Amino acid sequence: MTRRAEPRRPTSLARLAQTIVTMTVLFGCDGVQSTLVPAGPTARSIATLWWVMFAIGTVVSILVIALSLWAVARAHRPLGIEPPLRRSPEAAQARRAHSAGVQESAPRSTVEPTLSDGEPLEVVLPTARGDRRPVHWVIAGGVAIPAVILLGLFVLTLQTLGALAAQEEEPALTIEVVGWQWWWEVRYLDHTGRVLFETANEIHLPAGEWIALRLEATDVIHSFWVPQLAGKVDMIPGRTTELRLQADAPGTYRGQCAEYCAGSHALMAMRVVVEPAQEFLDWSRRQTLPQAPPLDSLAALGEEVFLGTACRACHAIRGTPAVGNTGPDLTHLASRSTLAAATLPNTRGHLGGWLANPQRIKPAAKMPAVPLDNVEFQALLRYLETLE
């Protein structure tokens, strides 16, 4: 009867190889806010710098781990085994001289142990000359090499920052982005600096064009960050900073406030929609138009509800008496893809939930829940759905 062979268990080396392969595969995963998937020259420069730092850090880590393992293996000795001793003529002579009353000191590099028969032994201790090599390794590996690496990375970082700041090409478009708790006000400007139209929480850009973003804040410090397009730039009340970026190809990119701003900071996001030039121009023309009158009776009732409540005090809808400026401009609200600073999809159900209880969705939101009966609520919901 033949005995069935048992499957071989993977060795430690095989397990290590499997782990490395698995980690390598995981490194290929990316998200909607990954700096390692750049979609423009500004983000690409930052990603290149990161990869250089990652490569150097990997090499240094492997070297340090290898040297540490080598040192541990070299220094390890089984318990109970002492280093070998050798017979020392010098020690024996020194012992005889001492017994004869001659005051003679033993050499610094020796001690005076004996065997059971009284025979002197010599244990050779490190001398000053023998200690120099470890000192050289400490200076080279602990000071000189790290200093060279850090200096090189510092120079490369300055070069990257300089290249980003030295972008002299005239921007095709200038946009003002203002940070509020917890949403984004977006104003599109003409070449004279006049505001063409205003929107919120969603920025549309033409592909392949340099864009200038003027960044401001009204209440606390925010930070504008679209990882796939550019680096982080702080938005400080009373101060205007500029960020230039370019998107290579059409797509939708997610941005996020990267500076803690209390309350619902984690829910202060945005979408950057990059379109072909003609599609962007068509979108811009639609945004400059005022809101059309309601098309049905329910929407008309909803407009009356909007203008007759506290909604008009905070929000503006161009073409109506509502000119509030402390909340997002709702003109063409229905054309946006998200609600509440990219917190919810822009659907009827999510819009109704947001109107019914804003604080449940976004804690500390400054928008109050307006008390309405069912007819008024449905009418307001219908009206907002027509704001395209």
Protein backbone atom coordinates (compact mmCIF):
# COMPACT_ATOMS: atom_id res chain seq x y z
CA MET A 1 0.00 0.00 0.00
CA THR A 2 1.49 3.25 -1.09
CA ARG A 3 1.54 6.07 1.38
CA ARG A 4 0.07 9.31 0.19
CA ALA A 5 2.57 12.12 0.25
CA GLU A 6 1.62 15.04 2.46
CA PRO A 7 1.66 18.47 0.85
CA ARG A 8 4.75 20.44 1.64
CA ARG A 9 4.28 23.38 3.94
CA PRO A 10 5.57 26.70 2.68
CA THR A 11 8.90 27.70 4.13
CA SER A 12 9.55 31.01 5.84
CA LEU A 13 11.14 32.30 2.65
CA ALA A 14 8.06 31.30 0.66
CA ARG A 15 5.79 33.05 3.14
CA LEU A 16 7.92 36.18 2.89
CA ALA A 17 7.71 36.06 -0.90
CA GLN A 18 3.92 35.68 -0.73
CA THR A 19 3.67 38.65 1.61
CA ILE A 20 5.79 40.82 -0.68
CA VAL A 21 3.70 39.88 -3.73
CA THR A 22 0.46 40.59 -1.84
CA MET A 23 1.69 43.98 -0.65
CA THR A 24 2.83 44.83 -4.18
CA VAL A 25 -0.65 44.07 -5.50
CA LEU A 26 -2.22 46.20 -2.77
CA PHE A 27 0.03 49.10 -3.72
CA GLY A 28 -1.76 49.09 -7.07
CA CYS A 29 -5.04 50.07 -5.41
CA ASP A 30 -5.94 53.74 -5.68
CA GLY A 31 -8.78 55.94 -4.54
CA VAL A 32 -10.57 59.06 -5.67
CA GLN A 33 -8.13 61.22 -3.71
CA SER A 34 -4.84 59.50 -4.46
CA THR A 35 -1.80 61.71 -4.96
CA LEU A 36 -0.15 58.73 -6.69
CA VAL A 37 -2.54 58.98 -9.65
CA PRO A 38 -1.75 62.52 -10.88
CA ALA A 39 -3.94 64.02 -13.58
CA GLY A 40 -1.99 67.20 -14.27
CA PRO A 41 1.55 68.61 -14.40
CA THR A 42 1.37 70.19 -10.94
CA ALA A 43 0.29 66.96 -9.26
CA ARG A 44 2.76 64.99 -11.38
CA SER A 45 5.71 67.02 -10.07
CA ILE A 46 4.60 66.36 -6.49
CA ALA A 47 4.10 62.65 -7.17
CA THR A 48 7.57 62.38 -8.73
CA LEU A 49 9.14 63.93 -5.63
CA TRP A 50 7.21 61.47 -3.45
CA TRP A 51 8.39 58.47 -5.46
CA VAL A 52 12.02 59.60 -5.18
CA MET A 53 11.64 59.94 -1.40
CA PHE A 54 9.91 56.56 -1.23
CA ALA A 55 12.69 54.84 -3.22
CA ILE A 56 15.44 56.34 -1.06
CA GLY A 57 13.55 55.51 2.12
CA THR A 58 13.07 51.92 0.96
CA VAL A 59 16.78 51.44 0.23
CA VAL A 60 17.77 52.97 3.58
CA SER A 61 15.24 50.83 5.47
CA ILE A 62 16.44 47.61 3.84
CA LEU A 63 20.07 48.52 4.57
CA VAL A 64 19.36 49.34 8.23
CA ILE A 65 17.37 46.14 8.75
CA ALA A 66 20.07 44.03 7.08
CA LEU A 67 22.84 45.58 9.19
CA SER A 68 20.77 45.13 12.35
CA LEU A 69 20.22 41.43 11.61
CA TRP A 70 23.92 41.00 10.82
CA ALA A 71 24.91 42.66 14.09
CA VAL A 72 22.51 40.48 16.09
CA ALA A 73 23.77 37.30 14.42
CA ARG A 74 27.41 38.28 14.92
CA ALA A 75 27.01 39.15 18.58
CA HIS A 76 24.98 36.07 19.51
CA ARG A 77 26.72 33.35 21.55
CA PRO A 78 25.18 30.29 23.24
CA LEU A 79 24.62 30.71 26.97
CA GLY A 80 27.28 29.26 29.29
CA ILE A 81 30.13 29.38 26.79
CA GLU A 82 32.87 31.87 27.62
CA PRO A 83 35.27 33.33 25.07
CA PRO A 84 38.50 31.30 24.74
CA LEU A 85 41.47 32.31 26.86
CA ARG A 86 45.10 31.82 25.93
CA ARG A 87 48.20 31.39 28.00
CA SER A 88 50.09 34.64 28.47
CA PRO A 89 53.87 34.66 28.99
CA GLU A 90 53.73 38.39 29.73
CA ALA A 91 51.14 37.87 32.44
CA ALA A 92 53.18 35.06 34.00
CA GLN A 93 56.31 37.22 33.99
CA ALA A 94 54.41 40.11 35.54
CA ARG A 95 53.06 37.79 38.24
CA ARG A 96 56.57 36.52 39.09
CA ALA A 97 57.92 40.07 39.20
CA HIS A 98 55.12 41.11 41.51
CA SER A 99 55.81 38.19 43.81
CA ALA A 100 59.48 39.24 43.95
CA GLY A 101 58.49 42.68 45.19
CA VAL A 102 59.01 44.47 41.90
CA GLN A 103 56.33 47.07 41.33
CA GLU A 104 55.53 46.48 37.68
CA SER A 105 52.18 47.06 36.08
CA ALA A 106 50.68 44.63 33.62
CA PRO A 107 50.06 45.90 30.05
CA ARG A 108 46.77 47.71 29.60
CA SER A 109 45.62 45.19 27.04
CA THR A 110 45.91 42.24 29.46
CA VAL A 111 44.33 40.99 32.67
CA GLU A 112 45.57 38.40 35.13
CA PRO A 113 43.18 35.44 35.20
CA THR A 114 44.50 31.94 36.01
CA LEU A 115 43.50 28.35 35.41
CA SER A 116 42.94 25.91 38.25
CA ASP A 117 46.65 25.09 38.27
CA GLY A 118 47.58 28.75 38.74
CA GLU A 119 48.79 29.19 35.15
CA PRO A 120 48.26 32.84 34.10
CA LEU A 121 46.00 33.52 31.11
CA GLU A 122 45.63 36.47 28.80
CA VAL A 123 42.36 38.00 27.60
CA VAL A 124 43.10 40.43 24.79
CA LEU A 125 40.96 43.53 25.16
CA PRO A 126 40.22 46.01 22.34
CA THR A 127 42.92 48.58 21.88
CA ALA A 128 42.46 52.19 20.89
CA ARG A 129 43.51 51.44 17.33
CA GLY A 130 40.97 48.62 17.03
CA ASP A 131 38.11 50.97 18.08
CA ARG A 132 38.59 53.37 15.18
CA ARG A 133 36.77 51.28 12.59
CA PRO A 134 33.43 51.23 14.47
CA VAL A 135 33.74 54.97 15.07
CA HIS A 136 34.26 55.53 11.36
CA TRP A 137 31.17 53.46 10.59
CA VAL A 138 29.11 55.49 13.07
CA ILE A 139 30.25 58.79 11.57
CA ALA A 140 29.71 57.62 7.98
CA GLY A 141 26.44 55.74 8.45
CA GLY A 142 24.90 57.86 11.17
CA VAL A 143 25.95 61.37 10.13
CA ALA A 144 27.55 61.73 6.70
CA ILE A 145 25.29 59.52 4.56
CA PRO A 146 21.99 60.76 6.13
CA ALA A 147 23.19 64.35 5.75
CA VAL A 148 23.90 63.82 2.03
CA ILE A 149 20.50 62.14 1.50
CA LEU A 150 18.57 64.84 3.37
CA LEU A 151 20.45 67.61 1.58
CA GLY A 152 19.68 66.03 -1.79
CA LEU A 153 15.97 65.71 -0.95
CA PHE A 154 15.93 69.30 0.32
CA VAL A 155 17.41 70.58 -2.96
CA LEU A 156 14.97 68.47 -5.01
CA THR A 157 12.05 69.80 -2.96
CA LEU A 158 13.14 73.40 -3.51
CA GLN A 159 13.45 72.75 -7.24
CA THR A 160 9.94 71.29 -7.33
CA LEU A 161 8.48 74.22 -5.39
CA GLY A 162 10.32 76.67 -7.62
CA ALA A 163 9.01 75.01 -10.78
CA LEU A 164 5.44 75.17 -9.47
CA ALA A 165 5.74 78.81 -8.45
CA ALA A 166 7.44 79.88 -11.69
CA GLN A 167 4.47 79.02 -13.93
CA GLU A 168 4.33 82.13 -16.11
CA GLU A 169 1.84 81.01 -18.75
CA GLU A 170 -1.21 83.27 -18.85
CA PRO A 171 -4.16 81.40 -17.32
CA ALA A 172 -7.12 80.75 -19.57
CA LEU A 173 -9.52 81.24 -16.68
CA THR A 174 -9.54 82.81 -13.22
CA ILE A 175 -11.81 81.44 -10.50
CA GLU A 176 -12.33 82.66 -6.95
CA VAL A 177 -12.90 79.93 -4.36
CA VAL A 178 -14.05 81.02 -0.91
CA GLY A 179 -14.11 78.63 2.04
CA TRP A 180 -17.05 78.73 4.46
CA GLN A 181 -18.03 76.40 7.28
CA TRP A 182 -18.61 73.89 5.62
CA TRP A 183 -19.01 74.57 1.92
CA TRP A 184 -17.25 76.21 -1.05
CA GLU A 185 -18.31 79.38 -2.83
CA VAL A 186 -17.11 79.44 -6.45
CA ARG A 187 -17.04 82.60 -8.59
CA TYR A 188 -16.01 82.68 -12.25
CA LEU A 189 -14.33 85.93 -13.34
CA ASP A 190 -13.80 87.57 -16.71
CA HIS A 191 -10.49 89.10 -17.82
CA THR A 192 -11.31 92.35 -15.97
CA GLY A 193 -12.02 90.61 -12.66
CA ARG A 194 -15.80 91.01 -12.88
CA VAL A 195 -17.88 88.10 -11.60
CA LEU A 196 -19.59 86.33 -14.50
CA PHE A 197 -21.59 83.88 -12.39
CA GLU A 198 -21.46 82.06 -9.08
CA THR A 199 -21.94 78.45 -8.08
CA ALA A 200 -21.08 76.26 -5.11
CA ASN A 201 -19.23 73.05 -4.20
CA GLU A 202 -18.56 72.11 -7.81
CA ILE A 203 -15.84 73.53 -10.07
CA HIS A 204 -15.93 73.03 -13.84
CA LEU A 205 -12.68 73.40 -15.80
CA PRO A 206 -11.64 73.06 -19.45
CA ALA A 207 -9.18 70.24 -20.09
CA GLY A 208 -5.60 71.10 -21.06
CA GLU A 209 -5.75 74.75 -19.91
CA TRP A 210 -3.91 76.48 -17.09
CA ILE A 211 -6.35 77.79 -14.47
CA ALA A 212 -5.70 80.37 -11.76
CA LEU A 213 -7.56 79.82 -8.50
CA ARG A 214 -7.76 82.72 -6.03
CA LEU A 215 -8.33 81.20 -2.62
CA GLU A 216 -9.92 82.99 0.33
CA ALA A 217 -11.72 82.15 3.58
CA THR A 218 -14.41 84.01 5.50
CA ASP A 219 -14.55 82.48 8.97
CA VAL A 220 -11.69 80.11 9.92
CA ILE A 221 -8.64 78.64 8.20
CA HIS A 222 -9.46 76.10 5.50
CA SER A 223 -7.19 74.28 3.06
CA PHE A 224 -7.96 73.67 -0.62
CA TRP A 225 -6.79 70.28 -1.83
CA VAL A 226 -7.57 68.31 -4.98
CA PRO A 227 -4.85 65.61 -4.70
CA GLN A 228 -4.94 64.46 -8.33
CA LEU A 229 -4.55 68.01 -9.65
CA ALA A 230 -2.41 70.00 -7.17
CA GLY A 231 -1.02 70.25 -3.67
CA LYS A 232 -2.62 71.72 -0.57
CA VAL A 233 -2.94 75.49 -0.18
CA ASP A 234 -4.18 77.10 3.03
CA MET A 235 -7.08 79.54 2.86
CA ILE A 236 -6.68 82.19 5.57
CA PRO A 237 -9.32 84.84 6.44
CA GLY A 238 -8.27 88.27 5.20
CA ARG A 239 -5.65 86.89 2.83
CA THR A 240 -5.78 85.84 -0.84
CA THR A 241 -3.51 83.10 -2.15
CA GLU A 242 -3.24 81.81 -5.71
CA LEU A 243 -2.96 78.28 -7.00
CA ARG A 244 -2.37 77.37 -10.64
CA LEU A 245 -3.28 73.97 -11.97
CA GLN A 246 -4.04 72.15 -15.18
CA ALA A 247 -5.98 68.95 -15.84
CA ASP A 248 -4.68 66.74 -18.63
CA ALA A 249 -7.93 65.08 -19.64
CA PRO A 250 -11.68 65.18 -18.95
CA GLY A 251 -12.78 63.52 -15.73
CA THR A 252 -14.20 64.13 -12.27
CA TYR A 253 -11.83 64.67 -9.34
CA ARG A 254 -12.67 64.92 -5.67
CA GLY A 255 -11.33 67.67 -3.45
CA GLN A 256 -11.37 68.07 0.31
CA CYS A 257 -10.76 70.69 2.97
CA ALA A 258 -7.42 69.58 4.42
CA GLU A 259 -7.34 71.87 7.47
CA TYR A 260 -9.50 71.03 10.47
CA CYS A 261 -12.21 73.69 10.63
CA ALA A 262 -14.41 72.30 13.44
CA GLY A 263 -17.83 70.71 13.26
CA SER A 264 -18.37 69.06 9.89
CA HIS A 265 -14.84 69.49 8.57
CA ALA A 266 -14.82 65.89 7.30
CA LEU A 267 -17.94 66.64 5.22
CA MET A 268 -16.48 69.68 3.45
CA ALA A 269 -15.64 68.25 0.05
CA MET A 270 -16.05 69.32 -3.57
CA ARG A 271 -16.06 67.97 -7.10
CA VAL A 272 -13.88 69.26 -9.90
CA VAL A 273 -15.39 68.40 -13.28
CA VAL A 274 -12.95 68.67 -16.19
CA GLU A 275 -14.60 68.87 -19.61
CA PRO A 276 -13.56 69.31 -23.25
CA ALA A 277 -13.33 72.98 -24.20
CA GLN A 278 -16.64 73.15 -26.09
CA GLU A 279 -18.60 71.38 -23.36
CA PHE A 280 -17.13 73.76 -20.79
CA LEU A 281 -18.17 76.78 -22.88
CA ASP A 282 -21.71 75.41 -23.20
CA TRP A 283 -21.89 74.84 -19.45
CA SER A 284 -20.60 78.37 -18.77
CA ARG A 285 -23.24 79.95 -21.00
CA ARG A 286 -26.02 78.09 -19.18
CA GLN A 287 -24.65 79.20 -15.82
CA THR A 288 -24.79 82.89 -16.79
CA LEU A 289 -28.53 82.69 -17.48
CA PRO A 290 -31.01 83.66 -14.74
CA GLN A 291 -33.42 81.07 -13.46
CA ALA A 292 -36.45 80.54 -15.69
CA PRO A 293 -39.96 80.97 -14.20
CA PRO A 294 -41.61 77.85 -12.73
CA LEU A 295 -43.21 75.60 -15.34
CA ASP A 296 -46.05 74.14 -13.25
CA SER A 297 -48.30 75.13 -10.38
CA LEU A 298 -46.55 73.00 -7.78
CA ALA A 299 -43.19 74.55 -8.63
CA ALA A 300 -44.78 78.02 -8.55
CA LEU A 301 -46.08 77.30 -5.06
CA GLY A 302 -42.61 76.11 -4.11
CA GLU A 303 -41.13 79.41 -5.28
CA GLU A 304 -43.59 81.26 -3.06
CA VAL A 305 -42.59 79.07 -0.12
CA PHE A 306 -38.91 79.72 -0.79
CA LEU A 307 -39.35 83.49 -1.02
CA GLY A 308 -41.72 83.60 1.96
CA THR A 309 -39.47 81.80 4.45
CA ALA A 310 -35.97 82.22 5.86
CA CYS A 311 -34.50 80.49 2.78
CA ARG A 312 -34.19 83.77 0.87
CA ALA A 313 -32.23 85.37 3.72
CA CYS A 314 -29.22 83.08 3.13
CA HIS A 315 -29.51 81.87 -0.46
CA ALA A 316 -29.61 83.62 -3.82
CA ILE A 317 -31.43 82.54 -6.98
CA ARG A 318 -30.68 84.85 -9.89
CA GLY A 319 -33.84 86.14 -11.56
CA THR A 320 -35.77 86.19 -8.26
CA PRO A 321 -35.84 88.56 -5.26
CA ALA A 322 -33.71 86.06 -3.29
CA VAL A 323 -30.25 87.64 -2.93
CA GLY A 324 -28.87 86.10 0.28
CA ASN A 325 -25.09 85.72 0.45
CA THR A 326 -24.35 83.64 3.55
CA GLY A 327 -25.31 80.31 1.98
CA PRO A 328 -24.66 78.66 -1.39
CA ASP A 329 -26.08 80.25 -4.53
CA LEU A 330 -28.91 77.93 -5.60
CA THR A 331 -29.25 79.12 -9.19
CA HIS A 332 -29.07 75.98 -11.35
CA LEU A 333 -28.90 73.80 -8.23
CA ALA A 334 -30.43 70.85 -10.08
CA SER A 335 -27.53 70.80 -12.57
CA ARG A 336 -25.03 69.96 -9.82
CA SER A 337 -24.11 66.36 -9.10
CA THR A 338 -24.00 66.56 -5.28
CA LEU A 339 -25.58 68.28 -2.30
CA ALA A 340 -24.18 69.71 0.95
CA ALA A 341 -20.57 70.03 -0.27
CA ALA A 342 -20.35 66.62 -1.95
CA THR A 343 -21.89 64.89 1.06
CA LEU A 344 -24.94 63.50 -0.78
CA PRO A 345 -25.87 62.66 -4.38
CA ASN A 346 -28.23 65.23 -5.88
CA THR A 347 -31.39 63.15 -5.99
CA ARG A 348 -34.95 63.92 -4.91
CA GLY A 349 -34.78 61.67 -1.86
CA HIS A 350 -31.47 63.05 -0.62
CA LEU A 351 -32.61 66.62 -1.25
CA GLY A 352 -35.75 65.99 0.79
CA GLY A 353 -33.74 64.48 3.63
CA TRP A 354 -31.37 67.45 3.62
CA LEU A 355 -34.23 69.97 3.77
CA ALA A 356 -36.02 68.06 6.54
CA ASN A 357 -33.05 67.82 8.92
CA PRO A 358 -29.70 69.31 7.82
CA GLN A 359 -28.01 68.69 11.21
CA ARG A 360 -28.73 64.97 11.04
CA ILE A 361 -26.73 64.72 7.81
CA LYS A 362 -24.09 67.34 8.54
CA PRO A 363 -23.65 67.96 12.30
CA ALA A 364 -23.29 71.63 13.27
CA ALA A 365 -24.55 72.76 9.86
CA LYS A 366 -25.69 76.37 10.03
CA MET A 367 -28.74 75.76 7.83
CA PRO A 368 -31.85 75.44 10.03
CA ALA A 369 -34.71 73.07 9.36
CA VAL A 370 -37.63 75.27 8.22
CA PRO A 371 -41.00 74.06 9.60
CA LEU A 372 -43.32 73.34 6.68
CA ASP A 373 -46.47 71.30 6.23
CA ASN A 374 -46.47 68.42 3.76
CA VAL A 375 -47.90 70.43 0.84
CA GLU A 376 -45.38 73.24 1.30
CA PHE A 377 -42.52 70.77 1.68
CA GLN A 378 -43.42 68.91 -1.52
CA ALA A 379 -43.85 72.20 -3.38
CA LEU A 380 -40.45 73.49 -2.23
CA LEU A 381 -38.85 70.21 -3.19
CA ARG A 382 -40.43 70.39 -6.64
CA TYR A 383 -39.27 73.98 -7.13
CA LEU A 384 -35.66 73.20 -6.25
CA GLU A 385 -35.72 70.25 -8.67
CA THR A 386 -36.54 72.66 -11.53
CA LEU A 387 -33.50 74.89 -10.92
CA GLU A 388 -31.52 73.59 -13.85
